């Protein structure tokens, strides 16, 4: 498959199958992500793959609380801006909780 074809077929997944992801697959995904270009080719990122649902829930609910803190600050200067932010963050806050694995960068 050519790179252009891969890029054109890319998808954002928000529904996940209820099945385990093999450790070998996670390792391959993380290795591939680690080869992405970076400034001066430093590639100074770290990846943590999380399968523990309790930890994933804590991360998700912490994100919700922090995003609400941000929205409340926005409300002080422009309530409409806070409302738009709340609507937008729903797109990337809790949908990952149904994923079998969460990779934190």
PDB file of N, CA and C in Angstrom:
ATOM      1  N   UNK A   1       0.858  -1.173   0.000  1.00  0.00           N
ATOM      2  CA  UNK A   1       0.000   0.000   0.000  1.00  0.00           C
ATOM      3  C   UNK A   1       0.907   1.240   0.000  1.00  0.00           C
ATOM      4  N   UNK A   2       0.612   2.169  -0.872  1.00  0.00           N
ATOM      5  CA  UNK A   2       1.390   3.399  -0.978  1.00  0.00           C
ATOM      6  C   UNK A   2       1.013   4.374   0.147  1.00  0.00           C
ATOM      7  N   UNK A   3       1.951   5.233   0.495  1.00  0.00           N
ATOM      8  CA  UNK A   3       1.730   6.192   1.573  1.00  0.00           C
ATOM      9  C   UNK A   3       0.486   7.044   1.320  1.00  0.00           C
ATOM     10  N   UNK A   4       0.314   7.530   0.104  1.00  0.00           N
ATOM     11  CA  UNK A   4      -0.850   8.374  -0.206  1.00  0.00           C
ATOM     12  C   UNK A   4      -2.153   7.628   0.071  1.00  0.00           C
ATOM     13  N   UNK A   5      -2.188   6.368  -0.319  1.00  0.00           N
ATOM     14  CA  UNK A   5      -3.384   5.555  -0.085  1.00  0.00           C
ATOM     15  C   UNK A   5      -3.632   5.367   1.410  1.00  0.00           C
ATOM     16  N   UNK A   6      -2.574   5.121   2.161  1.00  0.00           N
ATOM     17  CA  UNK A   6      -2.690   4.975   3.618  1.00  0.00           C
ATOM     18  C   UNK A   6      -3.252   6.245   4.227  1.00  0.00           C
ATOM     19  N   UNK A   7      -2.707   7.394   3.825  1.00  0.00           N
ATOM     20  CA  UNK A   7      -3.158   8.670   4.387  1.00  0.00           C
ATOM     21  C   UNK A   7      -4.608   8.961   4.017  1.00  0.00           C
ATOM     22  N   UNK A   8      -5.008   8.621   2.822  1.00  0.00           N
ATOM     23  CA  UNK A   8      -6.384   8.878   2.385  1.00  0.00           C
ATOM     24  C   UNK A   8      -7.401   7.973   3.074  1.00  0.00           C
ATOM     25  N   UNK A   9      -6.966   6.799   3.503  1.00  0.00           N
ATOM     26  CA  UNK A   9      -7.880   5.855   4.152  1.00  0.00           C
ATOM     27  C   UNK A   9      -7.879   5.966   5.674  1.00  0.00           C
ATOM     28  N   UNK A  10      -7.099   6.903   6.208  1.00  0.00           N
ATOM     29  CA  UNK A  10      -7.008   7.094   7.651  1.00  0.00           C
ATOM     30  C   UNK A  10      -8.389   7.399   8.235  1.00  0.00           C
ATOM     31  N   UNK A  11      -8.636   6.915   9.437  1.00  0.00           N
ATOM     32  CA  UNK A  11      -9.926   7.127  10.097  1.00  0.00           C
ATOM     33  C   UNK A  11      -9.722   7.493  11.560  1.00  0.00           C
ATOM     34  N   UNK A  12     -10.662   8.239  12.095  1.00  0.00           N
ATOM     35  CA  UNK A  12     -10.704   8.475  13.538  1.00  0.00           C
ATOM     36  C   UNK A  12     -11.699   7.478  14.114  1.00  0.00           C
ATOM     37  N   UNK A  13     -11.242   6.671  15.031  1.00  0.00           N
ATOM     38  CA  UNK A  13     -12.076   5.607  15.592  1.00  0.00           C
ATOM     39  C   UNK A  13     -12.644   6.068  16.932  1.00  0.00           C
ATOM     40  N   UNK A  14     -13.953   5.936  17.072  1.00  0.00           N
ATOM     41  CA  UNK A  14     -14.601   6.310  18.329  1.00  0.00           C
ATOM     42  C   UNK A  14     -15.471   5.179  18.876  1.00  0.00           C
ATOM     43  N   UNK A  15     -15.503   4.069  18.169  1.00  0.00           N
ATOM     44  CA  UNK A  15     -16.198   2.873  18.648  1.00  0.00           C
ATOM     45  C   UNK A  15     -15.185   1.739  18.619  1.00  0.00           C
ATOM     46  N   UNK A  16     -15.136   0.997  19.701  1.00  0.00           N
ATOM     47  CA  UNK A  16     -14.106  -0.016  19.835  1.00  0.00           C
ATOM     48  C   UNK A  16     -14.721  -1.378  20.080  1.00  0.00           C
ATOM     49  N   UNK A  17     -14.063  -2.408  19.562  1.00  0.00           N
ATOM     50  CA  UNK A  17     -14.491  -3.773  19.826  1.00  0.00           C
ATOM     51  C   UNK A  17     -14.079  -4.143  21.246  1.00  0.00           C
ATOM     52  N   UNK A  18     -14.898  -4.957  21.883  1.00  0.00           N
ATOM     53  CA  UNK A  18     -14.596  -5.398  23.244  1.00  0.00           C
ATOM     54  C   UNK A  18     -13.713  -6.635  23.169  1.00  0.00           C
ATOM     55  N   UNK A  19     -12.435  -6.388  22.849  1.00  0.00           N
ATOM     56  CA  UNK A  19     -11.491  -7.494  22.751  1.00  0.00           C
ATOM     57  C   UNK A  19     -10.102  -7.010  23.140  1.00  0.00           C
ATOM     58  N   UNK A  20      -9.292  -7.944  23.600  1.00  0.00           N
ATOM     59  CA  UNK A  20      -7.951  -7.617  24.039  1.00  0.00           C
ATOM     60  C   UNK A  20      -7.048  -7.317  22.841  1.00  0.00           C
ATOM     61  N   UNK A  21      -6.069  -6.459  23.049  1.00  0.00           N
ATOM     62  CA  UNK A  21      -5.065  -6.174  22.033  1.00  0.00           C
ATOM     63  C   UNK A  21      -3.781  -6.881  22.475  1.00  0.00           C
ATOM     64  N   UNK A  22      -3.247  -7.754  21.645  1.00  0.00           N
ATOM     65  CA  UNK A  22      -2.037  -8.485  22.024  1.00  0.00           C
ATOM     66  C   UNK A  22      -0.859  -7.550  22.309  1.00  0.00           C
ATOM     67  N   UNK A  23      -0.054  -7.930  23.285  1.00  0.00           N
ATOM     68  CA  UNK A  23       1.113  -7.120  23.669  1.00  0.00           C
ATOM     69  C   UNK A  23       2.032  -6.869  22.476  1.00  0.00           C
ATOM     70  N   UNK A  24       2.176  -7.873  21.592  1.00  0.00           N
ATOM     71  CA  UNK A  24       3.046  -7.710  20.425  1.00  0.00           C
ATOM     72  C   UNK A  24       2.542  -6.594  19.523  1.00  0.00           C
ATOM     73  N   UNK A  25       1.216  -6.486  19.371  1.00  0.00           N
ATOM     74  CA  UNK A  25       0.641  -5.430  18.533  1.00  0.00           C
ATOM     75  C   UNK A  25       0.875  -4.058  19.158  1.00  0.00           C
ATOM     76  N   UNK A  26       0.715  -3.976  20.476  1.00  0.00           N
ATOM     77  CA  UNK A  26       0.962  -2.709  21.167  1.00  0.00           C
ATOM     78  C   UNK A  26       2.422  -2.297  20.983  1.00  0.00           C
ATOM     79  N   UNK A  27       3.326  -3.249  21.118  1.00  0.00           N
ATOM     80  CA  UNK A  27       4.753  -2.958  20.951  1.00  0.00           C
ATOM     81  C   UNK A  27       5.043  -2.454  19.535  1.00  0.00           C
ATOM     82  N   UNK A  28       4.426  -3.061  18.521  1.00  0.00           N
ATOM     83  CA  UNK A  28       4.626  -2.623  17.137  1.00  0.00           C
ATOM     84  C   UNK A  28       4.089  -1.204  16.920  1.00  0.00           C
ATOM     85  N   UNK A  29       2.925  -0.921  17.479  1.00  0.00           N
ATOM     86  CA  UNK A  29       2.314   0.405  17.333  1.00  0.00           C
ATOM     87  C   UNK A  29       3.188   1.465  17.979  1.00  0.00           C
ATOM     88  N   UNK A  30       3.650   1.181  19.197  1.00  0.00           N
ATOM     89  CA  UNK A  30       4.492   2.143  19.916  1.00  0.00           C
ATOM     90  C   UNK A  30       5.825   2.337  19.186  1.00  0.00           C
ATOM     91  N   UNK A  31       6.393   1.258  18.669  1.00  0.00           N
ATOM     92  CA  UNK A  31       7.654   1.364  17.930  1.00  0.00           C
ATOM     93  C   UNK A  31       7.460   2.219  16.679  1.00  0.00           C
ATOM     94  N   UNK A  32       6.370   2.006  15.963  1.00  0.00           N
ATOM     95  CA  UNK A  32       6.087   2.795  14.762  1.00  0.00           C
ATOM     96  C   UNK A  32       5.887   4.268  15.119  1.00  0.00           C
ATOM     97  N   UNK A  33       5.159   4.540  16.189  1.00  0.00           N
ATOM     98  CA  UNK A  33       4.925   5.927  16.612  1.00  0.00           C
ATOM     99  C   UNK A  33       6.242   6.595  17.010  1.00  0.00           C
ATOM    100  N   UNK A  34       7.133   5.837  17.612  1.00  0.00           N
ATOM    101  CA  UNK A  34       8.417   6.376  18.047  1.00  0.00           C
ATOM    102  C   UNK A  34       9.338   6.762  16.919  1.00  0.00           C
ATOM    103  N   UNK A  35       9.045   6.292  15.708  1.00  0.00           N
ATOM    104  CA  UNK A  35       9.883   6.639  14.563  1.00  0.00           C
ATOM    105  C   UNK A  35       9.411   7.904  13.854  1.00  0.00           C
ATOM    106  N   UNK A  36       8.347   8.506  14.343  1.00  0.00           N
ATOM    107  CA  UNK A  36       7.849   9.743  13.723  1.00  0.00           C
ATOM    108  C   UNK A  36       8.915  10.834  13.802  1.00  0.00           C
ATOM    109  N   UNK A  37       8.941  11.724  12.821  1.00  0.00           N
ATOM    110  CA  UNK A  37       9.945  12.786  12.838  1.00  0.00           C
ATOM    111  C   UNK A  37       9.740  13.741  14.008  1.00  0.00           C
ATOM    112  N   UNK A  38      10.834  14.303  14.467  1.00  0.00           N
ATOM    113  CA  UNK A  38      10.771  15.300  15.531  1.00  0.00           C
ATOM    114  C   UNK A  38      11.863  16.341  15.274  1.00  0.00           C
ATOM    115  N   UNK A  39      11.777  17.458  15.948  1.00  0.00           N
ATOM    116  CA  UNK A  39      12.771  18.513  15.800  1.00  0.00           C
ATOM    117  C   UNK A  39      14.162  17.993  16.085  1.00  0.00           C
ATOM    118  N   UNK A  40      15.070  18.212  15.165  1.00  0.00           N
ATOM    119  CA  UNK A  40      16.461  17.760  15.268  1.00  0.00           C
ATOM    120  C   UNK A  40      16.554  16.252  15.495  1.00  0.00           C
ATOM    121  N   UNK A  41      15.475  15.539  15.133  1.00  0.00           N
ATOM    122  CA  UNK A  41      15.399  14.074  15.268  1.00  0.00           C
ATOM    123  C   UNK A  41      15.692  13.605  16.695  1.00  0.00           C
ATOM    124  N   UNK A  42      15.307  14.415  17.670  1.00  0.00           N
ATOM    125  CA  UNK A  42      15.552  14.076  19.072  1.00  0.00           C
ATOM    126  C   UNK A  42      14.634  12.932  19.533  1.00  0.00           C
ATOM    127  N   UNK A  43      13.404  12.937  19.059  1.00  0.00           N
ATOM    128  CA  UNK A  43      12.418  11.916  19.421  1.00  0.00           C
ATOM    129  C   UNK A  43      12.414  11.656  20.930  1.00  0.00           C
ATOM    130  N   UNK A  44      12.227  12.722  21.665  1.00  0.00           N
ATOM    131  CA  UNK A  44      12.313  12.646  23.128  1.00  0.00           C
ATOM    132  C   UNK A  44      10.965  12.396  23.794  1.00  0.00           C
ATOM    133  N   UNK A  45      10.136  11.624  23.169  1.00  0.00           N
ATOM    134  CA  UNK A  45       8.855  11.293  23.770  1.00  0.00           C
ATOM    135  C   UNK A  45       8.923   9.929  24.444  1.00  0.00           C
ATOM    136  N   UNK A  46       7.950   9.721  25.292  1.00  0.00           N
ATOM    137  CA  UNK A  46       7.828   8.440  25.996  1.00  0.00           C
ATOM    138  C   UNK A  46       6.379   7.984  25.837  1.00  0.00           C
ATOM    139  N   UNK A  47       6.173   6.702  25.767  1.00  0.00           N
ATOM    140  CA  UNK A  47       4.846   6.131  25.596  1.00  0.00           C
ATOM    141  C   UNK A  47       4.542   5.199  26.759  1.00  0.00           C
ATOM    142  N   UNK A  48       3.307   5.281  27.250  1.00  0.00           N
ATOM    143  CA  UNK A  48       2.836   4.356  28.279  1.00  0.00           C
ATOM    144  C   UNK A  48       1.529   3.763  27.769  1.00  0.00           C
ATOM    145  N   UNK A  49       1.499   2.439  27.623  1.00  0.00           N
ATOM    146  CA  UNK A  49       0.285   1.749  27.200  1.00  0.00           C
ATOM    147  C   UNK A  49      -0.456   1.294  28.452  1.00  0.00           C
ATOM    148  N   UNK A  50      -1.717   1.685  28.544  1.00  0.00           N
ATOM    149  CA  UNK A  50      -2.519   1.387  29.738  1.00  0.00           C
ATOM    150  C   UNK A  50      -3.704   0.521  29.337  1.00  0.00           C
ATOM    151  N   UNK A  51      -3.846  -0.602  30.028  1.00  0.00           N
ATOM    152  CA  UNK A  51      -4.994  -1.482  29.829  1.00  0.00           C
ATOM    153  C   UNK A  51      -5.910  -1.505  31.055  1.00  0.00           C
ATOM    154  N   UNK A  52      -5.418  -1.018  32.160  1.00  0.00           N
ATOM    155  CA  UNK A  52      -6.164  -1.042  33.414  1.00  0.00           C
ATOM    156  C   UNK A  52      -7.316  -0.029  33.352  1.00  0.00           C
ATOM    157  N   UNK A  53      -8.539  -0.539  33.390  1.00  0.00           N
ATOM    158  CA  UNK A  53      -9.727   0.321  33.242  1.00  0.00           C
ATOM    159  C   UNK A  53      -9.860   1.335  34.380  1.00  0.00           C
ATOM    160  N   UNK A  54      -9.436   0.976  35.594  1.00  0.00           N
ATOM    161  CA  UNK A  54      -9.508   1.929  36.705  1.00  0.00           C
ATOM    162  C   UNK A  54      -8.611   3.137  36.442  1.00  0.00           C
ATOM    163  N   UNK A  55      -7.405   2.879  35.962  1.00  0.00           N
ATOM    164  CA  UNK A  55      -6.481   3.978  35.657  1.00  0.00           C
ATOM    165  C   UNK A  55      -7.019   4.806  34.493  1.00  0.00           C
ATOM    166  N   UNK A  56      -7.551   4.138  33.475  1.00  0.00           N
ATOM    167  CA  UNK A  56      -8.124   4.865  32.333  1.00  0.00           C
ATOM    168  C   UNK A  56      -9.270   5.758  32.787  1.00  0.00           C
ATOM    169  N   UNK A  57     -10.111   5.249  33.681  1.00  0.00           N
ATOM    170  CA  UNK A  57     -11.226   6.050  34.200  1.00  0.00           C
ATOM    171  C   UNK A  57     -10.727   7.261  34.980  1.00  0.00           C
ATOM    172  N   UNK A  58      -9.699   7.063  35.790  1.00  0.00           N
ATOM    173  CA  UNK A  58      -9.142   8.191  36.555  1.00  0.00           C
ATOM    174  C   UNK A  58      -8.593   9.259  35.620  1.00  0.00           C
ATOM    175  N   UNK A  59      -7.887   8.838  34.581  1.00  0.00           N
ATOM    176  CA  UNK A  59      -7.362   9.795  33.605  1.00  0.00           C
ATOM    177  C   UNK A  59      -8.508  10.541  32.936  1.00  0.00           C
ATOM    178  N   UNK A  60      -9.520   9.805  32.486  1.00  0.00           N
ATOM    179  CA  UNK A  60     -10.659  10.419  31.810  1.00  0.00           C
ATOM    180  C   UNK A  60     -11.378  11.425  32.681  1.00  0.00           C
ATOM    181  N   UNK A  61     -11.634  11.070  33.924  1.00  0.00           N
ATOM    182  CA  UNK A  61     -12.385  11.965  34.805  1.00  0.00           C
ATOM    183  C   UNK A  61     -11.532  13.150  35.264  1.00  0.00           C
ATOM    184  N   UNK A  62     -10.218  12.972  35.313  1.00  0.00           N
ATOM    185  CA  UNK A  62      -9.329  14.095  35.589  1.00  0.00           C
ATOM    186  C   UNK A  62      -9.359  15.074  34.421  1.00  0.00           C
ATOM    187  N   UNK A  63      -9.369  14.533  33.195  1.00  0.00           N
ATOM    188  CA  UNK A  63      -9.462  15.394  32.009  1.00  0.00           C
ATOM    189  C   UNK A  63     -10.761  16.192  32.018  1.00  0.00           C
ATOM    190  N   UNK A  64     -11.860  15.541  32.351  1.00  0.00           N
ATOM    191  CA  UNK A  64     -13.154  16.226  32.399  1.00  0.00           C
ATOM    192  C   UNK A  64     -13.105  17.371  33.415  1.00  0.00           C
ATOM    193  N   UNK A  65     -12.572  17.100  34.600  1.00  0.00           N
ATOM    194  CA  UNK A  65     -12.508  18.128  35.646  1.00  0.00           C
ATOM    195  C   UNK A  65     -11.616  19.290  35.223  1.00  0.00           C
ATOM    196  N   UNK A  66     -10.466  19.006  34.648  1.00  0.00           N
ATOM    197  CA  UNK A  66      -9.551  20.076  34.229  1.00  0.00           C
ATOM    198  C   UNK A  66     -10.140  20.887  33.081  1.00  0.00           C
ATOM    199  N   UNK A  67     -10.800  20.219  32.148  1.00  0.00           N
ATOM    200  CA  UNK A  67     -11.440  20.955  31.057  1.00  0.00           C
ATOM    201  C   UNK A  67     -12.544  21.861  31.568  1.00  0.00           C
ATOM    202  N   UNK A  68     -13.259  21.419  32.593  1.00  0.00           N
ATOM    203  CA  UNK A  68     -14.293  22.268  33.172  1.00  0.00           C
ATOM    204  C   UNK A  68     -13.666  23.470  33.869  1.00  0.00           C
ATOM    205  N   UNK A  69     -12.522  23.272  34.527  1.00  0.00           N
ATOM    206  CA  UNK A  69     -11.799  24.405  35.126  1.00  0.00           C
ATOM    207  C   UNK A  69     -11.436  25.439  34.062  1.00  0.00           C
ATOM    208  N   UNK A  70     -10.956  24.949  32.914  1.00  0.00           N
ATOM    209  CA  UNK A  70     -10.604  25.849  31.814  1.00  0.00           C
ATOM    210  C   UNK A  70     -11.845  26.580  31.317  1.00  0.00           C
ATOM    211  N   UNK A  71     -12.951  25.845  31.144  1.00  0.00           N
ATOM    212  CA  UNK A  71     -14.197  26.456  30.663  1.00  0.00           C
ATOM    213  C   UNK A  71     -14.705  27.513  31.644  1.00  0.00           C
ATOM    214  N   UNK A  72     -14.585  27.250  32.938  1.00  0.00           N
ATOM    215  CA  UNK A  72     -15.021  28.228  33.940  1.00  0.00           C
ATOM    216  C   UNK A  72     -14.208  29.515  33.851  1.00  0.00           C
ATOM    217  N   UNK A  73     -12.900  29.383  33.595  1.00  0.00           N
ATOM    218  CA  UNK A  73     -12.059  30.576  33.402  1.00  0.00           C
ATOM    219  C   UNK A  73     -12.493  31.336  32.161  1.00  0.00           C
ATOM    220  N   UNK A  74     -12.818  30.614  31.102  1.00  0.00           N
ATOM    221  CA  UNK A  74     -13.292  31.253  29.871  1.00  0.00           C
ATOM    222  C   UNK A  74     -14.611  31.968  30.100  1.00  0.00           C
ATOM    223  N   UNK A  75     -15.486  31.361  30.912  1.00  0.00           N
ATOM    224  CA  UNK A  75     -16.791  31.963  31.210  1.00  0.00           C
ATOM    225  C   UNK A  75     -16.652  33.358  31.809  1.00  0.00           C
ATOM    226  N   UNK A  76     -15.580  33.579  32.563  1.00  0.00           N
ATOM    227  CA  UNK A  76     -15.387  34.872  33.227  1.00  0.00           C
ATOM    228  C   UNK A  76     -15.264  36.009  32.229  1.00  0.00           C
ATOM    229  N   UNK A  77     -14.608  35.742  31.101  1.00  0.00           N
ATOM    230  CA  UNK A  77     -14.435  36.807  30.114  1.00  0.00           C
ATOM    231  C   UNK A  77     -15.452  36.723  28.986  1.00  0.00           C
ATOM    232  N   UNK A  78     -15.905  35.512  28.660  1.00  0.00           N
ATOM    233  CA  UNK A  78     -16.823  35.336  27.536  1.00  0.00           C
ATOM    234  C   UNK A  78     -17.558  34.005  27.683  1.00  0.00           C
ATOM    235  N   UNK A  79     -18.763  34.026  28.256  1.00  0.00           N
ATOM    236  CA  UNK A  79     -19.513  32.780  28.475  1.00  0.00           C
ATOM    237  C   UNK A  79     -19.739  31.968  27.195  1.00  0.00           C
ATOM    238  N   UNK A  80     -19.879  32.656  26.069  1.00  0.00           N
ATOM    239  CA  UNK A  80     -20.071  31.944  24.807  1.00  0.00           C
ATOM    240  C   UNK A  80     -18.816  31.140  24.440  1.00  0.00           C
ATOM    241  N   UNK A  81     -17.663  31.698  24.731  1.00  0.00           N
ATOM    242  CA  UNK A  81     -16.401  31.001  24.468  1.00  0.00           C
ATOM    243  C   UNK A  81     -16.295  29.750  25.343  1.00  0.00           C
ATOM    244  N   UNK A  82     -16.696  29.866  26.595  1.00  0.00           N
ATOM    245  CA  UNK A  82     -16.696  28.709  27.496  1.00  0.00           C
ATOM    246  C   UNK A  82     -17.629  27.617  27.005  1.00  0.00           C
ATOM    247  N   UNK A  83     -18.802  28.020  26.517  1.00  0.00           N
ATOM    248  CA  UNK A  83     -19.776  27.051  25.999  1.00  0.00           C
ATOM    249  C   UNK A  83     -19.234  26.339  24.773  1.00  0.00           C
ATOM    250  N   UNK A  84     -18.581  27.085  23.866  1.00  0.00           N
ATOM    251  CA  UNK A  84     -17.984  26.467  22.676  1.00  0.00           C
ATOM    252  C   UNK A  84     -16.886  25.477  23.069  1.00  0.00           C
ATOM    253  N   UNK A  85     -16.084  25.857  24.066  1.00  0.00           N
ATOM    254  CA  UNK A  85     -15.016  24.966  24.528  1.00  0.00           C
ATOM    255  C   UNK A  85     -15.609  23.673  25.080  1.00  0.00           C
ATOM    256  N   UNK A  86     -16.650  23.784  25.909  1.00  0.00           N
ATOM    257  CA  UNK A  86     -17.293  22.589  26.476  1.00  0.00           C
ATOM    258  C   UNK A  86     -17.803  21.662  25.376  1.00  0.00           C
ATOM    259  N   UNK A  87     -18.421  22.250  24.359  1.00  0.00           N
ATOM    260  CA  UNK A  87     -18.954  21.454  23.260  1.00  0.00           C
ATOM    261  C   UNK A  87     -17.820  20.748  22.509  1.00  0.00           C
ATOM    262  N   UNK A  88     -16.721  21.453  22.292  1.00  0.00           N
ATOM    263  CA  UNK A  88     -15.598  20.908  21.541  1.00  0.00           C
ATOM    264  C   UNK A  88     -14.894  19.786  22.294  1.00  0.00           C
ATOM    265  N   UNK A  89     -14.641  19.952  23.588  1.00  0.00           N
ATOM    266  CA  UNK A  89     -13.855  18.948  24.326  1.00  0.00           C
ATOM    267  C   UNK A  89     -14.581  17.619  24.470  1.00  0.00           C
ATOM    268  N   UNK A  90     -15.872  17.605  24.268  1.00  0.00           N
ATOM    269  CA  UNK A  90     -16.596  16.331  24.301  1.00  0.00           C
ATOM    270  C   UNK A  90     -16.086  15.390  23.208  1.00  0.00           C
ATOM    271  N   UNK A  91     -15.533  15.978  22.132  1.00  0.00           N
ATOM    272  CA  UNK A  91     -15.036  15.163  21.018  1.00  0.00           C
ATOM    273  C   UNK A  91     -13.811  14.343  21.375  1.00  0.00           C
ATOM    274  N   UNK A  92     -13.076  14.739  22.392  1.00  0.00           N
ATOM    275  CA  UNK A  92     -11.837  14.014  22.685  1.00  0.00           C
ATOM    276  C   UNK A  92     -11.620  13.740  24.168  1.00  0.00           C
ATOM    277  N   UNK A  93     -12.690  13.680  24.928  1.00  0.00           N
ATOM    278  CA  UNK A  93     -12.495  13.488  26.358  1.00  0.00           C
ATOM    279  C   UNK A  93     -12.742  12.058  26.811  1.00  0.00           C
ATOM    280  N   UNK A  94     -13.947  11.561  26.715  1.00  0.00           N
ATOM    281  CA  UNK A  94     -14.249  10.267  27.338  1.00  0.00           C
ATOM    282  C   UNK A  94     -14.460   9.102  26.380  1.00  0.00           C
ATOM    283  N   UNK A  95     -14.444   9.352  25.077  1.00  0.00           N
ATOM    284  CA  UNK A  95     -14.698   8.237  24.164  1.00  0.00           C
ATOM    285  C   UNK A  95     -13.642   7.143  24.278  1.00  0.00           C
ATOM    286  N   UNK A  96     -12.435   7.504  24.671  1.00  0.00           N
ATOM    287  CA  UNK A  96     -11.363   6.512  24.759  1.00  0.00           C
ATOM    288  C   UNK A  96     -11.569   5.523  25.899  1.00  0.00           C
ATOM    289  N   UNK A  97     -12.464   5.803  26.824  1.00  0.00           N
ATOM    290  CA  UNK A  97     -12.672   4.892  27.948  1.00  0.00           C
ATOM    291  C   UNK A  97     -13.196   3.532  27.506  1.00  0.00           C
ATOM    292  N   UNK A  98     -13.758   3.453  26.310  1.00  0.00           N
ATOM    293  CA  UNK A  98     -14.249   2.174  25.814  1.00  0.00           C
ATOM    294  C   UNK A  98     -13.193   1.430  24.992  1.00  0.00           C
ATOM    295  N   UNK A  99     -12.044   2.068  24.796  1.00  0.00           N
ATOM    296  CA  UNK A  99     -10.947   1.433  24.061  1.00  0.00           C
ATOM    297  C   UNK A  99     -10.292   0.368  24.923  1.00  0.00           C
ATOM    298  N   UNK A 100      -9.768  -0.683  24.309  1.00  0.00           N
ATOM    299  CA  UNK A 100      -9.100  -1.718  25.097  1.00  0.00           C
ATOM    300  C   UNK A 100      -7.740  -1.287  25.622  1.00  0.00           C
ATOM    301  N   UNK A 101      -7.123  -0.292  24.962  1.00  0.00           N
ATOM    302  CA  UNK A 101      -5.797   0.190  25.362  1.00  0.00           C
ATOM    303  C   UNK A 101      -5.759   1.701  25.183  1.00  0.00           C
ATOM    304  N   UNK A 102      -5.129   2.375  26.124  1.00  0.00           N
ATOM    305  CA  UNK A 102      -4.897   3.809  26.019  1.00  0.00           C
ATOM    306  C   UNK A 102      -3.383   4.014  25.977  1.00  0.00           C
ATOM    307  N   UNK A 103      -2.893   4.679  24.936  1.00  0.00           N
ATOM    308  CA  UNK A 103      -1.474   4.972  24.845  1.00  0.00           C
ATOM    309  C   UNK A 103      -1.307   6.455  25.162  1.00  0.00           C
ATOM    310  N   UNK A 104      -0.586   6.726  26.241  1.00  0.00           N
ATOM    311  CA  UNK A 104      -0.328   8.102  26.681  1.00  0.00           C
ATOM    312  C   UNK A 104       1.057   8.491  26.197  1.00  0.00           C
ATOM    313  N   UNK A 105       1.146   9.655  25.563  1.00  0.00           N
ATOM    314  CA  UNK A 105       2.427  10.141  25.050  1.00  0.00           C
ATOM    315  C   UNK A 105       2.918  11.251  25.945  1.00  0.00           C
TER     316      UNK A 105
END
